Protein backbone atom coordinates (compact mmCIF):
# COMPACT_ATOMS: atom_id res chain seq x y z
CA MET A 1 10.85 9.90 -4.39
CA THR A 2 13.15 8.64 -7.10
CA ARG A 3 11.99 7.47 -10.50
CA GLN A 4 12.81 3.88 -9.46
CA GLU A 5 10.73 4.25 -6.30
CA TYR A 6 7.79 5.30 -8.46
CA ILE A 7 8.38 2.36 -10.80
CA ASP A 8 8.25 0.07 -7.74
CA ILE A 9 4.78 1.47 -6.95
CA TYR A 10 3.79 0.87 -10.57
CA ASP A 11 4.96 -2.75 -10.30
CA ALA A 12 2.97 -3.28 -7.08
CA VAL A 13 -0.14 -1.89 -8.77
CA GLY A 14 0.40 -4.14 -11.78
CA VAL A 15 0.24 -7.23 -9.57
CA ALA A 16 -3.05 -6.06 -8.05
CA MET A 17 -4.48 -5.35 -11.50
CA GLU A 18 -3.69 -8.88 -12.63
CA VAL A 19 -5.29 -10.33 -9.48
CA TYR A 20 -8.41 -8.20 -9.96
CA ASN A 21 -8.68 -9.01 -13.67
CA THR A 22 -8.40 -12.73 -12.88
CA LEU A 23 -10.65 -12.99 -9.81
CA GLY A 24 -13.07 -10.11 -10.32
CA ARG A 25 -14.57 -8.06 -7.52
CA GLY A 26 -16.17 -8.56 -4.16
CA LEU A 27 -14.39 -11.61 -2.76
CA ASP A 28 -13.00 -11.70 0.76
CA GLU A 29 -9.94 -9.52 1.30
CA HIS A 30 -7.87 -12.57 2.32
CA VAL A 31 -8.47 -14.23 -1.07
CA TYR A 32 -6.93 -11.23 -2.82
CA GLN A 33 -4.01 -11.21 -0.39
CA GLU A 34 -3.23 -14.84 -1.12
CA ALA A 35 -3.53 -14.33 -4.87
CA TYR A 36 -1.38 -11.18 -4.67
CA ALA A 37 1.38 -13.11 -2.90
CA ILE A 38 1.27 -15.82 -5.58
CA GLU A 39 1.29 -13.33 -8.48
CA ALA A 40 4.13 -11.30 -6.95
CA GLU A 41 6.19 -14.46 -6.50
CA MET A 42 5.49 -15.48 -10.11
CA ARG A 43 6.89 -12.09 -11.17
CA GLY A 44 9.98 -12.49 -8.99
CA MET A 45 8.96 -9.71 -6.61
CA ASP A 46 10.10 -10.07 -3.01
CA VAL A 47 6.97 -9.02 -1.11
CA GLU A 48 6.58 -9.47 2.62
CA ARG A 49 3.09 -10.46 3.77
CA GLU A 50 1.74 -9.36 7.17
CA LYS A 51 4.61 -6.92 7.76
CA LYS A 52 4.97 -6.33 11.49
CA LEU A 53 5.01 -2.66 12.47
CA ASN A 54 6.20 -1.70 15.93
CA LEU A 55 5.50 1.61 17.61
CA SER A 56 7.53 3.19 20.39
CA TYR A 57 6.92 5.92 22.90
CA LYS A 58 9.96 7.93 24.05
CA GLY A 59 12.26 5.11 23.00
CA ILE A 60 10.20 2.38 24.67
CA GLU A 61 8.58 -0.15 22.38
CA LEU A 62 4.84 -0.39 22.94
CA LYS A 63 3.12 -3.75 23.24
CA LYS A 64 0.57 -2.81 20.58
CA VAL A 65 1.71 -4.19 17.23
CA PHE A 66 0.26 -3.46 13.80
CA PHE A 67 0.46 -5.55 10.64
CA ALA A 68 0.45 -4.14 7.13
CA ASP A 69 -1.01 -6.47 4.51
CA PHE A 70 2.15 -6.26 2.39
CA TYR A 71 5.51 -4.55 2.28
CA TYR A 72 7.46 -4.21 -0.94
CA LYS A 73 10.64 -2.16 -1.45
CA GLY A 74 9.66 0.45 1.14
CA ILE A 75 5.97 0.52 0.16
CA ILE A 76 3.21 -0.17 2.68
CA ILE A 77 0.35 -1.95 0.88
CA GLU A 78 -3.17 -2.32 2.28
CA PHE A 79 -6.11 -4.26 0.84
CA LYS A 80 -9.84 -3.70 1.21
CA SER A 81 -12.81 -5.37 -0.43
CA VAL A 82 -15.70 -3.02 0.29
CA ASP A 83 -18.33 -1.10 -1.68
CA GLU A 84 -16.44 2.16 -1.18
CA LEU A 85 -13.29 3.24 0.65
CA SER A 86 -13.83 5.30 3.78
CA ALA A 87 -11.77 7.81 5.75
CA GLU A 88 -10.98 5.02 8.22
CA HIS A 89 -9.47 2.85 5.49
CA ARG A 90 -7.26 5.71 4.36
CA ALA A 91 -6.32 6.58 7.93
CA GLN A 92 -5.18 2.99 8.51
CA LEU A 93 -2.75 3.14 5.58
CA LEU A 94 -1.49 6.61 6.45
CA ASN A 95 -0.92 5.65 10.09
CA TYR A 96 0.96 2.53 9.03
CA MET A 97 3.18 4.64 6.77
CA ARG A 98 3.91 7.01 9.65
CA ILE A 99 4.54 4.17 12.15
CA ALA A 100 6.88 2.37 9.73
CA ASN A 101 8.52 5.66 8.73
CA LYS A 102 7.97 4.81 5.06
CA ASN A 103 7.13 7.49 2.53
CA ARG A 104 5.14 5.41 0.04
CA GLY A 105 1.87 3.55 0.44
CA VAL A 106 -0.81 2.03 -1.76
CA LEU A 107 -4.42 1.30 -0.85
CA PHE A 108 -6.34 -1.17 -3.02
CA ASN A 109 -10.07 -1.76 -3.00
CA PHE A 110 -11.17 -4.96 -4.74
CA GLY A 111 -14.87 -4.41 -3.97
CA GLU A 112 -15.69 -1.81 -6.61
CA THR A 113 -16.66 -2.24 -10.26
CA ASN A 114 -13.05 -1.47 -11.19
CA LEU A 115 -9.96 -1.95 -9.06
CA HIS A 116 -9.68 1.24 -7.01
CA THR A 117 -6.09 2.26 -6.28
CA GLU A 118 -4.80 5.16 -4.21
CA ARG A 119 -1.07 5.93 -4.11
CA TYR A 120 0.25 8.08 -1.27
CA LEU A 121 3.49 9.87 -0.54
CA TYR A 122 4.37 10.81 3.04
CA LEU A 123 6.35 14.00 3.60
CA PRO A 124 7.67 13.60 7.17
CA GLU A 125 9.17 17.12 7.31
CA GLU A 126 5.65 18.56 7.00
CA ASP A 127 3.89 15.50 8.47
CA ASP A 128 1.69 15.55 5.39
CA PHE A 129 0.38 12.97 2.94
CA ILE A 130 -0.02 13.55 -0.78
CA LEU A 131 -2.42 11.54 -2.92
CA LEU A 132 -0.42 10.85 -6.08
CA THR A 133 -2.42 11.25 -9.27
CA HIS A 134 -1.64 11.13 -12.97
CA SER A 135 -1.45 14.92 -12.98
CA ASN A 136 0.81 15.50 -9.94
CA TYR A 137 3.15 12.51 -9.43
CA LYS A 138 5.91 13.99 -11.61
CA LEU A 139 6.20 16.90 -9.17
CA TYR A 140 7.46 14.49 -6.53
CA ILE A 141 10.06 12.59 -8.55
CA THR A 142 13.52 13.85 -7.62
CA ASP A 143 15.70 12.42 -10.38
């Protein structure tokens, strides 16, 4: 991941922080999605809402289609508004990253006392996901 790719994640998180600080916690997920789209547009960010993700099997596109909440500069973004994130919520984001063949993803939870944010990096060579934290993200910046 380049430094600019990390800055793009930072920008995506900044939009969510503004939405959370304005609306507070516990509203329906769709309210936050709409507000996120508005805030991103106000900041001049080209985000794609309901990004269609296709999956194929041996070169044949499957009929099952997935939709990520948002897509921004190669980042898959998923929203939740629950008391606490679960393994299923994380699995959804990680699967979307794998399906889309994108190495960065962010999971937001607007249902907690503070905005909960998890940033992930996908390493396709190892088929592994890394939770990026304040103490390890610099290890994954290449320039």
